[in-house]
Amino acid sequence: MYKIVHGPSACEDYKWLVPDPPQALSVLFLLCVIIHMEPCKSNLMNHESWYNSHWNKHRGDTDMNTYWPDYCQNFRCKADKCVHTCCAGWVIGIDEDSLARFNKEPDIACKIEDGCFVLRADGRCPFLRDDNLCEMIIKHGEDFLCDICKEHPRFYNEFEDHTEAGIGLVCEEACRLALTKDEPFALVSEDGSKMELPDYVKAVFDTSKTLSEKLNEISGGRRADSKLRAEIFDGMEVMDPKWTTLLGKIIAEPVSAEEENKALADNEKEFTNFAAYLLYRYKGSGRFASEAAYLLADLVIKGCGVQDVARVFSCEVEYSDINIDEALETFG
């Protein structure tokens, strides 16, 4: 269960979501504070932590292949170049092995309380330097990090004979890689073997149909109007009140289905990849993927950038166990 404490937001009224003002990208975004983050079973199973390598072998079952979208091979943490750092605004529960290791280091142990790093007054990790580099990595090396810091933004879905993994859109670099891919992603294992995309993912890459037609099919013909959809997401747990401000714009001035379809067509590559990401991560939850795509289309119409609002949606919905469970149940 998440316990949410609101953290400071970087820009008033989410102005940083609009793609025009470059000055908005120069400030640090502190979206939310999550106290004692417990991994969701569908996202983080038992796995060996890694930081530089993007191919993972699971503990206890080395014969089970882990498959990744091929764009994950290009993922590199932007570190000090990241605008929306994951090293601020999130209080992470430290795993037991790392906690035991940290407690042997006085300079680290003094910054831990109740199994979590104690954030600075500005919401930043106590080891995040003013130049946005990690003091712990610089002093102790990357392998010294706790599991959550090593793994983020990676997720894992385990099946009987394999694991499907990926990188979450809450990370700006992961979001860029996933949404800007020109061709359908391929699933590749650490040993170089490939796995065919599930049919429920391939469906959204069908070039013989418009994206709105494909979303209609994967949702079973069901589609909420923009006002009701925004109200549903607005009724979920609030991570940052400014998210509700954005949703309020849709509620106050609803968007027509025709306008949504045009926004989808105007940004077809990014929206197709967004839907494919959700279908892959949530095992064919077509209604959820389609409603999420329509919601993003509504927000784009209100002036937001696709990649920025996709990342915020990920943080608001995907990275709250409460919200993602409610969304998948509501749009099941």
Protein backbone atom coordinates (compact mmCIF):
# COMPACT_ATOMS: atom_id res chain seq x y z
CA MET A 1 0.00 0.00 0.00
CA TYR A 2 1.21 3.47 -0.79
CA LYS A 3 1.11 6.26 1.73
CA ILE A 4 1.08 9.52 -0.18
CA VAL A 5 2.45 12.83 0.97
CA HIS A 6 2.28 15.71 -1.47
CA GLY A 7 5.59 17.16 -2.54
CA PRO A 8 6.24 20.52 -4.16
CA SER A 9 5.61 20.85 -7.89
CA ALA A 10 8.14 22.58 -10.05
CA CYS A 11 5.91 24.70 -12.25
CA GLU A 12 2.63 26.38 -11.55
CA ASP A 13 -0.42 25.03 -13.37
CA TYR A 14 1.69 22.35 -15.08
CA LYS A 15 3.05 24.89 -17.55
CA TRP A 16 5.95 22.55 -18.13
CA LEU A 17 3.55 20.17 -19.91
CA VAL A 18 3.10 22.58 -22.78
CA PRO A 19 5.89 21.98 -25.30
CA ASP A 20 6.57 25.66 -26.09
CA PRO A 21 8.31 27.31 -23.08
CA PRO A 22 11.90 25.98 -22.92
CA GLN A 23 12.45 27.64 -19.56
CA ALA A 24 9.98 25.20 -18.06
CA LEU A 25 12.42 22.38 -18.67
CA SER A 26 15.09 23.94 -16.50
CA VAL A 27 13.36 23.34 -13.20
CA LEU A 28 13.14 20.20 -11.13
CA PHE A 29 9.81 18.46 -11.04
CA LEU A 30 8.89 17.00 -7.65
CA LEU A 31 5.66 15.24 -8.42
CA CYS A 32 4.94 13.20 -5.35
CA VAL A 33 6.40 11.63 -2.26
CA ILE A 34 5.83 7.93 -1.78
CA ILE A 35 6.49 6.64 1.68
CA HIS A 36 7.65 3.03 2.01
CA MET A 37 7.22 1.95 -1.58
CA GLU A 38 6.34 -1.75 -1.75
CA PRO A 39 6.79 -3.31 -5.20
CA CYS A 40 3.61 -4.49 -6.92
CA LYS A 41 3.77 -8.23 -7.64
CA SER A 42 3.05 -7.77 -11.33
CA ASN A 43 5.81 -5.20 -11.69
CA LEU A 44 8.72 -6.21 -9.49
CA MET A 45 9.18 -9.91 -8.79
CA ASN A 46 12.28 -11.59 -7.32
CA HIS A 47 15.08 -10.50 -9.58
CA GLU A 48 18.74 -9.70 -9.59
CA SER A 49 19.42 -6.00 -9.48
CA TRP A 50 21.48 -4.38 -12.18
CA TYR A 51 22.27 -0.82 -13.20
CA ASN A 52 24.40 -0.53 -16.34
CA SER A 53 23.40 -3.76 -18.05
CA HIS A 54 19.91 -3.87 -19.54
CA TRP A 55 19.63 -7.65 -19.70
CA ASN A 56 18.60 -9.44 -16.55
CA LYS A 57 18.88 -13.05 -15.38
CA HIS A 58 16.45 -13.93 -12.62
CA ARG A 59 17.47 -15.50 -9.35
CA GLY A 60 16.47 -19.09 -8.84
CA ASP A 61 15.57 -19.84 -12.46
CA THR A 62 18.41 -19.12 -14.85
CA ASP A 63 16.74 -21.26 -17.52
CA MET A 64 13.82 -18.85 -17.81
CA ASN A 65 14.45 -16.21 -20.46
CA THR A 66 13.62 -12.58 -19.87
CA TYR A 67 12.43 -10.69 -22.95
CA TRP A 68 12.69 -6.93 -23.39
CA PRO A 69 11.40 -4.50 -26.01
CA ASP A 70 14.42 -3.91 -28.24
CA TYR A 71 14.49 -0.18 -27.49
CA CYS A 72 15.50 -1.05 -23.90
CA GLN A 73 18.98 -1.84 -25.21
CA ASN A 74 19.43 1.90 -25.81
CA PHE A 75 18.28 2.94 -22.35
CA ARG A 76 20.82 4.87 -20.32
CA CYS A 77 20.07 6.87 -17.21
CA LYS A 78 20.47 10.57 -18.04
CA ALA A 79 21.79 11.23 -14.52
CA ASP A 80 22.55 14.95 -14.16
CA LYS A 81 20.95 15.68 -17.55
CA CYS A 82 17.53 14.44 -16.42
CA VAL A 83 14.91 17.16 -15.97
CA HIS A 84 12.44 15.07 -13.96
CA THR A 85 14.87 13.19 -11.74
CA CYS A 86 13.71 10.04 -9.97
CA CYS A 87 16.07 11.00 -7.12
CA ALA A 88 13.69 13.62 -5.74
CA GLY A 89 10.17 13.44 -4.41
CA TRP A 90 10.22 9.66 -3.87
CA VAL A 91 11.02 8.15 -0.48
CA ILE A 92 11.96 4.54 -1.18
CA GLY A 93 11.82 1.57 1.15
CA ILE A 94 15.31 0.04 1.24
CA ASP A 95 15.57 -3.74 0.76
CA GLU A 96 16.95 -5.76 3.67
CA ASP A 97 20.28 -6.72 2.10
CA SER A 98 21.05 -3.13 1.15
CA LEU A 99 19.92 -1.86 4.54
CA ALA A 100 22.36 -4.18 6.29
CA ARG A 101 25.11 -2.95 3.97
CA PHE A 102 24.21 0.71 4.47
CA ASN A 103 24.14 0.38 8.26
CA LYS A 104 27.85 -0.46 8.18
CA GLU A 105 28.59 2.94 6.65
CA PRO A 106 28.14 5.76 9.22
CA ASP A 107 27.83 8.45 6.53
CA ILE A 108 24.90 6.55 5.02
CA ALA A 109 23.29 5.10 8.15
CA CYS A 110 22.80 8.56 9.63
CA LYS A 111 20.53 9.45 6.67
CA ILE A 112 18.20 6.46 7.08
CA GLU A 113 15.08 6.35 9.19
CA ASP A 114 12.48 3.57 9.41
CA GLY A 115 14.11 1.74 6.52
CA CYS A 116 13.98 4.74 4.15
CA PHE A 117 16.33 7.50 3.11
CA VAL A 118 15.40 10.76 4.82
CA LEU A 119 14.74 13.35 2.14
CA ARG A 120 16.11 16.85 2.38
CA ALA A 121 13.73 19.74 3.03
CA ASP A 122 13.44 20.34 -0.72
CA GLY A 123 12.41 16.73 -1.36
CA ARG A 124 15.73 15.61 -2.83
CA CYS A 125 17.50 12.39 -1.90
CA PRO A 126 20.21 13.11 0.71
CA PHE A 127 22.76 11.64 -1.70
CA LEU A 128 21.69 13.69 -4.70
CA ARG A 129 24.32 16.38 -5.10
CA ASP A 130 23.65 19.91 -6.30
CA ASP A 131 24.98 18.91 -9.74
CA ASN A 132 22.33 16.12 -9.81
CA LEU A 133 24.89 13.32 -9.57
CA CYS A 134 24.63 10.57 -6.94
CA GLU A 135 27.13 10.88 -4.10
CA MET A 136 26.69 7.19 -3.24
CA ILE A 137 27.64 6.07 -6.75
CA ILE A 138 30.61 8.41 -6.87
CA LYS A 139 31.92 7.27 -3.49
CA HIS A 140 30.92 3.58 -3.37
CA GLY A 141 30.14 2.56 -6.97
CA GLU A 142 26.93 1.66 -8.77
CA ASP A 143 26.68 -1.85 -7.29
CA PHE A 144 26.33 -0.31 -3.83
CA LEU A 145 22.86 1.10 -4.60
CA CYS A 146 19.73 -0.49 -3.12
CA ASP A 147 17.53 -2.63 -5.36
CA ILE A 148 14.87 -0.03 -6.12
CA CYS A 149 17.43 2.57 -7.17
CA LYS A 150 19.18 0.02 -9.42
CA GLU A 151 16.00 -1.29 -11.01
CA HIS A 152 13.95 1.84 -11.61
CA PRO A 153 12.24 2.28 -14.07
CA ARG A 154 12.25 -1.41 -15.02
CA PHE A 155 9.25 -3.72 -14.56
CA TYR A 156 8.78 -7.48 -14.83
CA ASN A 157 5.80 -9.72 -15.62
CA GLU A 158 6.49 -13.39 -14.98
CA PHE A 159 4.88 -16.25 -16.88
CA GLU A 160 5.35 -19.99 -16.42
CA ASP A 161 8.17 -20.30 -18.94
CA HIS A 162 9.50 -16.76 -19.41
CA THR A 163 9.49 -13.22 -18.11
CA GLU A 164 8.42 -10.13 -20.03
CA ALA A 165 10.19 -6.97 -18.89
CA GLY A 166 10.32 -3.35 -19.88
CA ILE A 167 10.95 0.22 -18.77
CA GLY A 168 8.18 2.40 -17.34
CA LEU A 169 7.09 5.66 -18.92
CA VAL A 170 7.45 7.46 -15.58
CA CYS A 171 11.09 7.93 -16.61
CA GLU A 172 11.50 10.68 -19.22
CA GLU A 173 14.20 8.81 -21.15
CA ALA A 174 12.23 5.56 -21.13
CA CYS A 175 9.20 7.51 -22.31
CA ARG A 176 11.16 9.07 -25.16
CA LEU A 177 12.55 5.73 -26.32
CA ALA A 178 9.20 3.95 -26.13
CA LEU A 179 7.04 6.59 -27.78
CA THR A 180 9.34 7.70 -30.59
CA LYS A 181 10.15 4.27 -32.01
CA ASP A 182 9.40 4.26 -35.74
CA GLU A 183 8.67 0.53 -36.07
CA PRO A 184 6.86 -1.95 -33.81
CA PHE A 185 9.18 -3.06 -31.05
CA ALA A 186 10.61 -6.57 -31.02
CA LEU A 187 11.04 -8.72 -27.91
CA VAL A 188 14.63 -9.81 -27.39
CA SER A 189 16.17 -11.95 -24.65
CA GLU A 190 19.57 -11.56 -23.00
CA ASP A 191 20.86 -14.50 -25.04
CA GLY A 192 19.78 -12.86 -28.31
CA SER A 193 16.72 -15.02 -28.87
CA LYS A 194 13.49 -13.35 -29.93
CA MET A 195 9.87 -13.87 -28.98
CA GLU A 196 6.92 -12.94 -31.16
CA LEU A 197 4.80 -10.07 -29.92
CA PRO A 198 1.52 -11.19 -28.36
CA ASP A 199 -1.46 -10.80 -30.67
CA TYR A 200 -3.00 -8.24 -28.33
CA VAL A 201 0.04 -6.01 -28.87
CA LYS A 202 0.36 -6.63 -32.61
CA ALA A 203 -3.26 -5.53 -33.08
CA VAL A 204 -2.41 -1.89 -32.40
CA PHE A 205 0.36 -1.93 -35.03
CA ASP A 206 -2.00 -2.95 -37.87
CA THR A 207 -1.33 -0.34 -40.56
CA SER A 208 -4.49 -1.15 -42.53
CA LYS A 209 -6.65 0.69 -39.98
CA THR A 210 -6.69 4.09 -38.34
CA LEU A 211 -5.60 4.28 -34.73
CA SER A 212 -9.11 5.21 -33.60
CA GLU A 213 -10.44 2.10 -35.38
CA LYS A 214 -7.84 -0.07 -33.64
CA LEU A 215 -8.61 1.41 -30.24
CA ASN A 216 -12.29 0.78 -30.87
CA GLU A 217 -11.53 -2.87 -31.60
CA ILE A 218 -9.25 -3.55 -28.63
CA SER A 219 -11.77 -1.90 -26.30
CA GLY A 220 -14.61 -4.04 -27.56
CA GLY A 221 -16.38 -1.01 -28.97
CA ARG A 222 -16.62 0.67 -25.57
CA ARG A 223 -15.59 4.29 -25.21
CA ALA A 224 -16.36 6.73 -22.42
CA ASP A 225 -17.02 10.35 -23.27
CA SER A 226 -14.21 12.72 -22.33
CA LYS A 227 -16.00 14.24 -19.31
CA LEU A 228 -16.85 10.89 -17.72
CA ARG A 229 -13.36 9.55 -18.43
CA ALA A 230 -11.70 12.55 -16.80
CA GLU A 231 -14.05 12.29 -13.82
CA ILE A 232 -13.11 8.63 -13.34
CA PHE A 233 -9.38 9.39 -13.26
CA ASP A 234 -10.00 12.49 -11.17
CA GLY A 235 -11.74 10.31 -8.58
CA MET A 236 -8.62 8.23 -8.01
CA GLU A 237 -5.97 8.80 -5.36
CA VAL A 238 -4.35 12.19 -5.84
CA MET A 239 -0.59 12.19 -6.27
CA ASP A 240 -0.33 15.86 -7.11
CA PRO A 241 -3.28 18.30 -7.06
CA LYS A 242 -2.17 19.87 -10.32
CA TRP A 243 -3.01 16.63 -12.12
CA THR A 244 -6.62 17.20 -11.05
CA THR A 245 -6.34 20.75 -12.39
CA LEU A 246 -5.55 19.35 -15.81
CA LEU A 247 -8.39 16.85 -15.63
CA GLY A 248 -10.65 19.68 -14.51
CA LYS A 249 -10.06 21.43 -17.82
CA ILE A 250 -11.54 18.43 -19.63
CA ILE A 251 -14.45 18.21 -17.21
CA ALA A 252 -15.22 21.92 -17.60
CA GLU A 253 -14.90 21.86 -21.40
CA PRO A 254 -15.36 18.29 -22.70
CA VAL A 255 -13.65 17.15 -25.90
CA SER A 256 -15.63 15.53 -28.70
CA ALA A 257 -14.83 12.09 -30.10
CA GLU A 258 -14.07 13.73 -33.44
CA GLU A 259 -11.49 16.00 -31.81
CA GLU A 260 -9.93 13.03 -30.02
CA ASN A 261 -9.67 11.08 -33.27
CA LYS A 262 -7.93 14.00 -34.95
CA ALA A 263 -5.43 14.33 -32.09
CA LEU A 264 -4.69 10.62 -32.36
CA ALA A 265 -4.14 10.90 -36.11
CA ASP A 266 -1.93 13.98 -35.73
CA ASN A 267 0.31 12.14 -33.25
CA GLU A 268 -0.22 8.61 -34.51
CA LYS A 269 3.26 7.21 -33.85
CA GLU A 270 3.44 8.33 -30.23
CA PHE A 271 -0.13 7.30 -29.40
CA THR A 272 0.29 3.92 -31.11
CA ASN A 273 3.44 3.25 -29.11
CA PHE A 274 1.74 4.43 -25.93
CA ALA A 275 -1.15 2.01 -26.43
CA ALA A 276 1.28 -0.80 -27.31
CA TYR A 277 3.26 -0.14 -24.12
CA LEU A 278 0.12 -0.43 -21.98
CA LEU A 279 -1.09 -3.54 -23.82
CA TYR A 280 2.29 -5.18 -23.31
CA ARG A 281 2.71 -4.20 -19.67
CA TYR A 282 -0.86 -5.04 -18.65
CA LYS A 283 -1.26 -8.18 -20.70
CA GLY A 284 -3.82 -7.08 -23.24
CA SER A 285 -5.97 -4.75 -21.14
CA GLY A 286 -7.45 -3.22 -24.27
CA ARG A 287 -10.14 -1.06 -22.69
CA PHE A 288 -7.65 0.47 -20.26
CA ALA A 289 -5.14 1.13 -23.04
CA SER A 290 -7.73 2.77 -25.26
CA GLU A 291 -9.23 4.97 -22.54
CA ALA A 292 -5.74 6.04 -21.45
CA ALA A 293 -4.90 6.97 -25.05
CA TYR A 294 -8.13 8.98 -25.36
CA LEU A 295 -7.37 10.75 -22.07
CA LEU A 296 -3.92 11.73 -23.32
CA ALA A 297 -5.49 12.93 -26.57
CA ASP A 298 -7.82 15.16 -24.54
CA LEU A 299 -4.86 16.61 -22.64
CA VAL A 300 -2.92 17.20 -25.86
CA ILE A 301 -5.92 19.12 -27.17
CA LYS A 302 -5.73 21.20 -23.98
CA GLY A 303 -2.15 22.13 -24.86
CA CYS A 304 0.04 19.40 -23.33
CA GLY A 305 2.91 17.59 -25.05
CA VAL A 306 2.36 13.88 -25.72
CA GLN A 307 5.54 12.60 -24.10
CA ASP A 308 5.28 14.87 -21.09
CA VAL A 309 1.68 13.99 -20.32
CA ALA A 310 2.35 10.27 -20.93
CA ARG A 311 5.06 10.42 -18.29
CA VAL A 312 2.80 12.23 -15.83
CA PHE A 313 -0.02 9.75 -16.50
CA SER A 314 2.42 6.95 -15.73
CA CYS A 315 3.38 8.51 -12.42
CA GLU A 316 -0.19 9.37 -11.45
CA VAL A 317 -1.82 6.09 -12.46
CA GLU A 318 0.77 3.35 -12.95
CA TYR A 319 2.96 4.09 -9.95
CA SER A 320 0.18 3.98 -7.38
CA ASP A 321 -0.96 0.44 -6.63
CA ILE A 322 -4.34 1.85 -5.67
CA ASN A 323 -4.81 3.79 -8.89
CA ILE A 324 -3.61 1.18 -11.35
CA ASP A 325 -5.73 -1.51 -9.72
CA GLU A 326 -8.78 0.78 -9.87
CA ALA A 327 -8.10 1.74 -13.48
CA LEU A 328 -7.71 -1.86 -14.63
CA GLU A 329 -10.86 -2.88 -12.77
CA THR A 330 -12.91 0.07 -14.01
CA PHE A 331 -11.82 -0.36 -17.62
CA GLY A 332 -11.68 -4.16 -17.53
